[in-house]
PDB file of N, CA and C in Angstrom:
ATOM      1  N   MET A   1     136.780 133.468 185.450  1.00  0.00           N
ATOM      2  CA  MET A   1     136.027 132.791 185.499  1.00  0.00           C
ATOM      3  C   MET A   1     134.999 132.742 183.547  1.00  0.00           C
ATOM      4  N   LEU A   2     135.105 134.181 183.486  1.00  0.00           N
ATOM      5  CA  LEU A   2     134.307 134.484 181.899  1.00  0.00           C
ATOM      6  C   LEU A   2     134.982 134.023 180.784  1.00  0.00           C
ATOM      7  N   SER A   3     136.350 134.021 180.740  1.00  0.00           N
ATOM      8  CA  SER A   3     136.890 133.193 179.782  1.00  0.00           C
ATOM      9  C   SER A   3     136.932 132.160 179.218  1.00  0.00           C
ATOM     10  N   GLY A   4     136.427 131.864 177.710  1.00  0.00           N
ATOM     11  CA  GLY A   4     135.883 130.914 177.444  1.00  0.00           C
ATOM     12  C   GLY A   4     134.588 130.508 177.300  1.00  0.00           C
ATOM     13  N   LEU A   5     133.841 131.265 177.742  1.00  0.00           N
ATOM     14  CA  LEU A   5     132.167 131.152 178.212  1.00  0.00           C
ATOM     15  C   LEU A   5     131.184 131.180 176.743  1.00  0.00           C
ATOM     16  N   HIS A   6     131.848 132.015 176.064  1.00  0.00           N
ATOM     17  CA  HIS A   6     131.186 132.268 174.589  1.00  0.00           C
ATOM     18  C   HIS A   6     132.049 132.118 173.129  1.00  0.00           C
ATOM     19  N   VAL A   7     132.835 131.285 173.206  1.00  0.00           N
ATOM     20  CA  VAL A   7     133.370 131.222 171.884  1.00  0.00           C
ATOM     21  C   VAL A   7     132.748 130.892 170.438  1.00  0.00           C
ATOM     22  N   TYR A   8     132.390 132.190 169.780  1.00  0.00           N
ATOM     23  CA  TYR A   8     131.915 131.296 168.387  1.00  0.00           C
ATOM     24  C   TYR A   8     132.768 131.575 167.412  1.00  0.00           C
ATOM     25  N   LYS A   9     133.002 130.277 166.648  1.00  0.00           N
ATOM     26  CA  LYS A   9     133.431 130.457 165.188  1.00  0.00           C
ATOM     27  C   LYS A   9     134.918 131.118 165.769  1.00  0.00           C
ATOM     28  N   SER A  10     135.603 130.465 166.831  1.00  0.00           N
ATOM     29  CA  SER A  10     136.708 131.018 167.037  1.00  0.00           C
ATOM     30  C   SER A  10     136.936 132.358 167.473  1.00  0.00           C
ATOM     31  N   GLN A  11     135.942 133.120 167.736  1.00  0.00           N
ATOM     32  CA  GLN A  11     136.109 134.684 168.602  1.00  0.00           C
ATOM     33  C   GLN A  11     135.353 134.357 169.865  1.00  0.00           C
ATOM     34  N   GLU A  12     136.073 135.099 170.796  1.00  0.00           N
ATOM     35  CA  GLU A  12     135.395 135.443 171.987  1.00  0.00           C
ATOM     36  C   GLU A  12     134.781 136.506 171.958  1.00  0.00           C
ATOM     37  N   TYR A  13     133.597 136.357 172.689  1.00  0.00           N
ATOM     38  CA  TYR A  13     132.431 137.224 173.278  1.00  0.00           C
ATOM     39  C   TYR A  13     132.121 137.257 174.694  1.00  0.00           C
ATOM     40  N   SER A  14     132.898 136.834 175.293  1.00  0.00           N
ATOM     41  CA  SER A  14     132.219 136.594 176.836  1.00  0.00           C
ATOM     42  C   SER A  14     132.284 137.922 177.249  1.00  0.00           C
ATOM     43  N   TYR A  15     133.290 138.424 177.404  1.00  0.00           N
ATOM     44  CA  TYR A  15     133.277 139.557 177.930  1.00  0.00           C
ATOM     45  C   TYR A  15     132.358 141.010 177.184  1.00  0.00           C
ATOM     46  N   GLU A  16     131.500 140.394 176.292  1.00  0.00           N
ATOM     47  CA  GLU A  16     130.790 141.643 175.795  1.00  0.00           C
ATOM     48  C   GLU A  16     129.209 141.185 175.663  1.00  0.00           C
ATOM     49  N   LEU A  17     129.080 140.356 176.386  1.00  0.00           N
ATOM     50  CA  LEU A  17     127.677 139.896 176.754  1.00  0.00           C
ATOM     51  C   LEU A  17     127.491 141.026 177.759  1.00  0.00           C
ATOM     52  N   THR A  18     125.518 141.305 177.386  1.00  0.00           N
ATOM     53  CA  THR A  18     125.405 142.324 178.412  1.00  0.00           C
ATOM     54  C   THR A  18     123.784 142.253 179.161  1.00  0.00           C
ATOM     55  N   LEU A  19     123.614 142.455 179.840  1.00  0.00           N
ATOM     56  CA  LEU A  19     122.441 142.090 180.375  1.00  0.00           C
ATOM     57  C   LEU A  19     121.488 142.453 179.699  1.00  0.00           C
ATOM     58  N   TYR A  20     121.215 143.108 178.394  1.00  0.00           N
ATOM     59  CA  TYR A  20     120.000 142.786 177.316  1.00  0.00           C
ATOM     60  C   TYR A  20     120.088 141.616 176.871  1.00  0.00           C
ATOM     61  N   ASP A  21     121.442 141.153 176.447  1.00  0.00           N
ATOM     62  CA  ASP A  21     121.351 139.791 175.861  1.00  0.00           C
ATOM     63  C   ASP A  21     120.795 138.817 176.769  1.00  0.00           C
ATOM     64  N   LEU A  22     121.002 138.892 178.107  1.00  0.00           N
ATOM     65  CA  LEU A  22     120.416 137.613 178.829  1.00  0.00           C
ATOM     66  C   LEU A  22     119.473 137.784 179.361  1.00  0.00           C
ATOM     67  N   LEU A  23     118.485 138.898 179.189  1.00  0.00           N
ATOM     68  CA  LEU A  23     116.836 138.808 179.602  1.00  0.00           C
ATOM     69  C   LEU A  23     116.188 138.551 178.145  1.00  0.00           C
ATOM     70  N   PHE A  24     116.874 139.329 176.899  1.00  0.00           N
ATOM     71  CA  PHE A  24     116.278 138.922 176.041  1.00  0.00           C
ATOM     72  C   PHE A  24     116.330 137.720 174.761  1.00  0.00           C
ATOM     73  N   GLN A  25     117.245 136.900 175.819  1.00  0.00           N
ATOM     74  CA  GLN A  25     117.930 135.488 174.604  1.00  0.00           C
ATOM     75  C   GLN A  25     118.646 136.224 173.769  1.00  0.00           C
ATOM     76  N   THR A  26     119.368 137.108 173.202  1.00  0.00           N
ATOM     77  CA  THR A  26     120.310 137.595 172.538  1.00  0.00           C
ATOM     78  C   THR A  26     121.602 137.074 172.661  1.00  0.00           C
ATOM     79  N   SER A  27     121.642 136.419 173.880  1.00  0.00           N
ATOM     80  CA  SER A  27     123.078 135.812 173.737  1.00  0.00           C
ATOM     81  C   SER A  27     123.735 135.283 172.934  1.00  0.00           C
ATOM     82  N   GLY A  28     123.286 134.415 172.997  1.00  0.00           N
ATOM     83  CA  GLY A  28     123.793 132.931 172.101  1.00  0.00           C
ATOM     84  C   GLY A  28     124.304 131.774 172.984  1.00  0.00           C
ATOM     85  N   LEU A  29     124.083 131.921 173.960  1.00  0.00           N
ATOM     86  CA  LEU A  29     124.682 130.367 174.928  1.00  0.00           C
ATOM     87  C   LEU A  29     123.430 129.583 174.864  1.00  0.00           C
ATOM     88  N   PRO A  30     124.350 128.474 175.103  1.00  0.00           N
ATOM     89  CA  PRO A  30     123.286 127.170 175.406  1.00  0.00           C
ATOM     90  C   PRO A  30     122.723 127.213 176.419  1.00  0.00           C
ATOM     91  N   ASP A  31     121.668 126.425 176.350  1.00  0.00           N
ATOM     92  CA  ASP A  31     120.986 126.287 177.640  1.00  0.00           C
ATOM     93  C   ASP A  31     121.332 125.252 178.437  1.00  0.00           C
ATOM     94  N   ALA A  32     122.446 125.098 179.126  1.00  0.00           N
ATOM     95  CA  ALA A  32     123.219 124.413 180.134  1.00  0.00           C
ATOM     96  C   ALA A  32     122.077 123.035 181.099  1.00  0.00           C
ATOM     97  N   TYR A  33     121.146 123.401 181.316  1.00  0.00           N
ATOM     98  CA  TYR A  33     119.802 122.711 182.012  1.00  0.00           C
ATOM     99  C   TYR A  33     119.554 121.757 181.117  1.00  0.00           C
ATOM    100  N   GLU A  34     119.176 121.875 179.642  1.00  0.00           N
ATOM    101  CA  GLU A  34     119.043 121.236 178.804  1.00  0.00           C
ATOM    102  C   GLU A  34     119.518 120.176 177.796  1.00  0.00           C
ATOM    103  N   GLU A  35     120.756 121.396 177.366  1.00  0.00           N
ATOM    104  CA  GLU A  35     121.755 120.525 176.179  1.00  0.00           C
ATOM    105  C   GLU A  35     122.782 120.053 176.588  1.00  0.00           C
ATOM    106  N   THR A  36     122.856 119.634 177.938  1.00  0.00           N
ATOM    107  CA  THR A  36     123.416 118.665 178.071  1.00  0.00           C
ATOM    108  C   THR A  36     123.534 116.991 177.714  1.00  0.00           C
ATOM    109  N   ARG A  37     124.363 116.640 177.616  1.00  0.00           N
ATOM    110  CA  ARG A  37     124.170 115.078 177.085  1.00  0.00           C
ATOM    111  C   ARG A  37     123.324 114.136 178.037  1.00  0.00           C
ATOM    112  N   ASN A  38     123.497 114.307 179.432  1.00  0.00           N
ATOM    113  CA  ASN A  38     122.827 114.227 180.504  1.00  0.00           C
ATOM    114  C   ASN A  38     122.457 115.293 181.382  1.00  0.00           C
ATOM    115  N   SER A  39     121.148 115.147 180.930  1.00  0.00           N
ATOM    116  CA  SER A  39     120.538 116.805 180.761  1.00  0.00           C
ATOM    117  C   SER A  39     120.412 116.922 182.592  1.00  0.00           C
ATOM    118  N   ILE A  40     121.145 117.799 182.879  1.00  0.00           N
ATOM    119  CA  ILE A  40     121.133 118.613 184.186  1.00  0.00           C
ATOM    120  C   ILE A  40     119.687 118.604 184.753  1.00  0.00           C
ATOM    121  N   LYS A  41     118.766 119.160 184.358  1.00  0.00           N
ATOM    122  CA  LYS A  41     117.854 119.262 184.562  1.00  0.00           C
ATOM    123  C   LYS A  41     116.755 118.156 185.409  1.00  0.00           C
ATOM    124  N   LYS A  42     117.009 116.934 184.732  1.00  0.00           N
ATOM    125  CA  LYS A  42     116.890 115.527 184.739  1.00  0.00           C
ATOM    126  C   LYS A  42     117.908 114.946 186.010  1.00  0.00           C
ATOM    127  N   ARG A  43     118.809 115.750 186.339  1.00  0.00           N
ATOM    128  CA  ARG A  43     119.692 115.131 187.658  1.00  0.00           C
ATOM    129  C   ARG A  43     118.803 115.932 188.564  1.00  0.00           C
ATOM    130  N   VAL A  44     118.712 116.915 188.499  1.00  0.00           N
ATOM    131  CA  VAL A  44     118.242 117.734 189.629  1.00  0.00           C
ATOM    132  C   VAL A  44     117.277 116.833 190.174  1.00  0.00           C
ATOM    133  N   ILE A  45     115.864 116.783 189.067  1.00  0.00           N
ATOM    134  CA  ILE A  45     114.527 116.506 189.205  1.00  0.00           C
ATOM    135  C   ILE A  45     114.795 115.091 190.054  1.00  0.00           C
ATOM    136  N   TYR A  46     115.184 114.209 189.499  1.00  0.00           N
ATOM    137  CA  TYR A  46     115.309 112.664 189.580  1.00  0.00           C
ATOM    138  C   TYR A  46     116.383 112.204 190.274  1.00  0.00           C
ATOM    139  N   GLU A  47     117.307 112.793 190.481  1.00  0.00           N
ATOM    140  CA  GLU A  47     118.583 112.472 191.548  1.00  0.00           C
ATOM    141  C   GLU A  47     118.598 113.507 192.893  1.00  0.00           C
ATOM    142  N   ASP A  48     117.805 114.719 192.762  1.00  0.00           N
ATOM    143  CA  ASP A  48     118.187 115.705 194.109  1.00  0.00           C
ATOM    144  C   ASP A  48     119.736 115.987 194.278  1.00  0.00           C
ATOM    145  N   ALA A  49     120.080 116.254 192.815  1.00  0.00           N
ATOM    146  CA  ALA A  49     121.653 116.685 193.057  1.00  0.00           C
ATOM    147  C   ALA A  49     121.502 118.285 192.992  1.00  0.00           C
ATOM    148  N   TYR A  50     122.520 118.745 193.227  1.00  0.00           N
ATOM    149  CA  TYR A  50     122.622 120.234 193.565  1.00  0.00           C
ATOM    150  C   TYR A  50     123.964 120.521 192.657  1.00  0.00           C
ATOM    151  N   ILE A  51     123.781 121.238 191.513  1.00  0.00           N
ATOM    152  CA  ILE A  51     124.792 122.059 190.513  1.00  0.00           C
ATOM    153  C   ILE A  51     125.136 123.101 191.057  1.00  0.00           C
ATOM    154  N   SER A  52     126.404 123.290 191.453  1.00  0.00           N
ATOM    155  CA  SER A  52     126.719 125.263 192.017  1.00  0.00           C
ATOM    156  C   SER A  52     126.601 125.925 190.493  1.00  0.00           C
ATOM    157  N   PHE A  53     126.827 127.403 191.196  1.00  0.00           N
ATOM    158  CA  PHE A  53     126.744 128.040 189.902  1.00  0.00           C
ATOM    159  C   PHE A  53     128.408 127.623 189.309  1.00  0.00           C
ATOM    160  N   ASP A  54     129.201 127.874 189.611  1.00  0.00           N
ATOM    161  CA  ASP A  54     130.302 127.600 188.934  1.00  0.00           C
ATOM    162  C   ASP A  54     130.668 126.389 188.117  1.00  0.00           C
ATOM    163  N   ASP A  55     129.742 125.370 188.774  1.00  0.00           N
ATOM    164  CA  ASP A  55     129.731 123.988 188.007  1.00  0.00           C
ATOM    165  C   ASP A  55     128.646 124.630 186.576  1.00  0.00           C
ATOM    166  N   MET A  56     127.832 124.924 187.067  1.00  0.00           N
ATOM    167  CA  MET A  56     127.109 125.421 185.840  1.00  0.00           C
ATOM    168  C   MET A  56     128.031 126.538 184.464  1.00  0.00           C
ATOM    169  N   ILE A  57     128.762 127.411 184.886  1.00  0.00           N
ATOM    170  CA  ILE A  57     130.057 128.211 184.430  1.00  0.00           C
ATOM    171  C   ILE A  57     130.628 127.006 183.669  1.00  0.00           C
ATOM    172  N   GLU A  58     131.070 126.462 183.840  1.00  0.00           N
ATOM    173  CA  GLU A  58     131.840 124.920 183.374  1.00  0.00           C
ATOM    174  C   GLU A  58     131.261 124.097 182.499  1.00  0.00           C
ATOM    175  N   ILE A  59     130.088 123.591 182.948  1.00  0.00           N
ATOM    176  CA  ILE A  59     129.119 122.918 181.912  1.00  0.00           C
ATOM    177  C   ILE A  59     128.743 123.731 180.303  1.00  0.00           C
ATOM    178  N   ALA A  60     128.604 125.387 180.791  1.00  0.00           N
ATOM    179  CA  ALA A  60     128.362 126.066 179.714  1.00  0.00           C
ATOM    180  C   ALA A  60     129.711 126.549 178.590  1.00  0.00           C
ATOM    181  N   LYS A  61     130.436 126.108 179.710  1.00  0.00           N
ATOM    182  CA  LYS A  61     131.848 126.327 178.799  1.00  0.00           C
ATOM    183  C   LYS A  61     132.008 125.067 177.870  1.00  0.00           C
ATOM    184  N   SER A  62     131.759 124.032 177.719  1.00  0.00           N
ATOM    185  CA  SER A  62     132.123 122.451 177.372  1.00  0.00           C
ATOM    186  C   SER A  62     130.722 122.512 176.322  1.00  0.00           C
ATOM    187  N   LEU A  63     129.754 123.613 176.222  1.00  0.00           N
ATOM    188  CA  LEU A  63     128.634 123.243 174.831  1.00  0.00           C
ATOM    189  C   LEU A  63     129.234 124.553 174.021  1.00  0.00           C
ATOM    190  N   GLU A  64     128.549 124.528 172.867  1.00  0.00           N
ATOM    191  CA  GLU A  64     128.702 125.118 171.977  1.00  0.00           C
ATOM    192  C   GLU A  64     127.540 126.546 172.091  1.00  0.00           C
ATOM    193  N   PRO A  65     128.217 127.452 171.780  1.00  0.00           N
ATOM    194  CA  PRO A  65     126.932 128.432 171.314  1.00  0.00           C
ATOM    195  C   PRO A  65     126.303 128.629 170.089  1.00  0.00           C
ATOM    196  N   HIS A  66     125.004 129.360 170.189  1.00  0.00           N
ATOM    197  CA  HIS A  66     124.469 129.009 168.957  1.00  0.00           C
ATOM    198  C   HIS A  66     124.484 129.732 167.873  1.00  0.00           C
ATOM    199  N   PHE A  67     125.013 131.519 168.571  1.00  0.00           N
ATOM    200  CA  PHE A  67     125.701 132.014 167.415  1.00  0.00           C
ATOM    201  C   PHE A  67     126.135 133.127 168.212  1.00  0.00           C
ATOM    202  N   ALA A  68     126.698 134.470 167.577  1.00  0.00           N
ATOM    203  CA  ALA A  68     127.391 135.544 168.086  1.00  0.00           C
ATOM    204  C   ALA A  68     126.363 136.073 168.871  1.00  0.00           C
ATOM    205  N   PRO A  69     126.637 136.856 169.913  1.00  0.00           N
ATOM    206  CA  PRO A  69     125.425 137.738 170.758  1.00  0.00           C
ATOM    207  C   PRO A  69     125.093 138.556 169.718  1.00  0.00           C
ATOM    208  N   ARG A  70     123.621 139.300 169.819  1.00  0.00           N
ATOM    209  CA  ARG A  70     123.108 139.986 169.252  1.00  0.00           C
ATOM    210  C   ARG A  70     122.778 139.900 167.646  1.00  0.00           C
ATOM    211  N   THR A  71     123.116 138.886 167.293  1.00  0.00           N
ATOM    212  CA  THR A  71     123.008 138.673 165.682  1.00  0.00           C
ATOM    213  C   THR A  71     121.458 138.844 165.400  1.00  0.00           C
ATOM    214  N   LYS A  72     121.163 139.460 164.532  1.00  0.00           N
ATOM    215  CA  LYS A  72     120.110 140.298 163.931  1.00  0.00           C
ATOM    216  C   LYS A  72     119.011 138.607 163.868  1.00  0.00           C
ATOM    217  N   LYS A  73     117.836 138.799 164.139  1.00  0.00           N
ATOM    218  CA  LYS A  73     117.022 137.758 164.181  1.00  0.00           C
ATOM    219  C   LYS A  73     116.936 136.748 164.489  1.00  0.00           C
ATOM    220  N   ARG A  74     117.985 136.415 166.057  1.00  0.00           N
ATOM    221  CA  ARG A  74     118.364 135.316 166.294  1.00  0.00           C
ATOM    222  C   ARG A  74     118.034 135.571 167.849  1.00  0.00           C
ATOM    223  N   ALA A  75     117.611 134.272 168.200  1.00  0.00           N
ATOM    224  CA  ALA A  75     117.233 134.536 169.768  1.00  0.00           C
ATOM    225  C   ALA A  75     117.003 132.550 170.337  1.00  0.00           C
ATOM    226  N   HIS A  76     117.861 132.797 171.248  1.00  0.00           N
ATOM    227  CA  HIS A  76     117.246 130.987 171.828  1.00  0.00           C
ATOM    228  C   HIS A  76     117.471 131.112 173.430  1.00  0.00           C
ATOM    229  N   TYR A  77     116.520 130.489 173.862  1.00  0.00           N
ATOM    230  CA  TYR A  77     116.504 130.232 175.202  1.00  0.00           C
ATOM    231  C   TYR A  77     117.539 129.736 175.993  1.00  0.00           C
ATOM    232  N   ALA A  78     118.061 130.620 176.810  1.00  0.00           N
ATOM    233  CA  ALA A  78     119.306 130.296 177.427  1.00  0.00           C
ATOM    234  C   ALA A  78     118.726 130.415 179.172  1.00  0.00           C
ATOM    235  N   ASP A  79     118.457 129.524 179.746  1.00  0.00           N
ATOM    236  CA  ASP A  79     117.920 129.630 181.387  1.00  0.00           C
ATOM    237  C   ASP A  79     118.291 131.081 181.937  1.00  0.00           C
ATOM    238  N   ILE A  80     117.496 131.661 182.633  1.00  0.00           N
ATOM    239  CA  ILE A  80     117.609 132.927 183.197  1.00  0.00           C
ATOM    240  C   ILE A  80     118.292 132.874 184.214  1.00  0.00           C
ATOM    241  N   LEU A  81     119.177 131.897 184.842  1.00  0.00           N
ATOM    242  CA  LEU A  81     120.262 131.851 185.548  1.00  0.00           C
ATOM    243  C   LEU A  81     120.949 132.976 185.262  1.00  0.00           C
ATOM    244  N   TRP A  82     121.726 132.951 183.806  1.00  0.00           N
ATOM    245  CA  TRP A  82     122.263 133.868 183.237  1.00  0.00           C
ATOM    246  C   TRP A  82     122.192 135.194 183.707  1.00  0.00           C
ATOM    247  N   VAL A  83     121.066 135.456 184.096  1.00  0.00           N
ATOM    248  CA  VAL A  83     120.668 137.042 184.559  1.00  0.00           C
ATOM    249  C   VAL A  83     121.543 137.118 185.630  1.00  0.00           C
ATOM    250  N   TYR A  84     121.515 136.354 186.681  1.00  0.00           N
ATOM    251  CA  TYR A  84     122.238 136.022 187.990  1.00  0.00           C
ATOM    252  C   TYR A  84     123.579 136.244 187.602  1.00  0.00           C
ATOM    253  N   PHE A  85     124.070 135.578 186.712  1.00  0.00           N
ATOM    254  CA  PHE A  85     125.612 135.616 186.509  1.00  0.00           C
ATOM    255  C   PHE A  85     125.870 137.033 186.028  1.00  0.00           C
ATOM    256  N   TYR A  86     124.953 137.519 184.974  1.00  0.00           N
ATOM    257  CA  TYR A  86     125.907 138.967 184.621  1.00  0.00           C
ATOM    258  C   TYR A  86     125.614 139.597 186.014  1.00  0.00           C
ATOM    259  N   VAL A  87     124.614 139.925 186.893  1.00  0.00           N
ATOM    260  CA  VAL A  87     124.386 140.336 187.934  1.00  0.00           C
ATOM    261  C   VAL A  87     125.682 140.272 189.112  1.00  0.00           C
ATOM    262  N   ARG A  88     125.904 138.975 189.304  1.00  0.00           N
ATOM    263  CA  ARG A  88     127.043 138.398 189.616  1.00  0.00           C
ATOM    264  C   ARG A  88     128.496 139.040 189.628  1.00  0.00           C
ATOM    265  N   ARG A  89     128.759 139.109 187.998  1.00  0.00           N
ATOM    266  CA  ARG A  89     130.112 139.621 187.616  1.00  0.00           C
ATOM    267  C   ARG A  89     130.023 141.275 187.871  1.00  0.00           C
ATOM    268  N   CYS A  90     129.100 141.486 187.649  1.00  0.00           N
ATOM    269  CA  CYS A  90     129.225 143.075 187.671  1.00  0.00           C
ATOM    270  C   CYS A  90     129.844 143.517 188.993  1.00  0.00           C
ATOM    271  N   ALA A  91     128.937 142.828 190.182  1.00  0.00           N
ATOM    272  CA  ALA A  91     129.305 143.139 191.402  1.00  0.00           C
ATOM    273  C   ALA A  91     130.770 143.034 191.997  1.00  0.00           C
ATOM    274  N   ARG A  92     131.437 142.022 190.825  1.00  0.00           N
ATOM    275  CA  ARG A  92     132.696 141.710 191.063  1.00  0.00           C
ATOM    276  C   ARG A  92     133.647 143.095 190.945  1.00  0.00           C
ATOM    277  N   VAL A  93     132.760 143.733 190.125  1.00  0.00           N
ATOM    278  CA  VAL A  93     133.862 144.970 189.202  1.00  0.00           C
ATOM    279  C   VAL A  93     134.143 146.231 189.972  1.00  0.00           C
TER     280      VAL A  93
END
């Protein structure tokens, strides 16, 4: 599930993401709700659509990260759902 989630400049960072990165918006991950061509946020509001967590992961994989995790002086809002993602991932370990 994680493989390919965060690939920036041909380097895989998916397995290096931490809870800190997700909470403080330093992961570099895109905001899957806002940055898709057909905004998921609008679909959920106007179409009463349901997007599963696994669907969100696949959508995020299709988007480009903004920077490598913990790049100095960089932050980008990526929906808080990623905190849930991290907790869920840790629970599987």
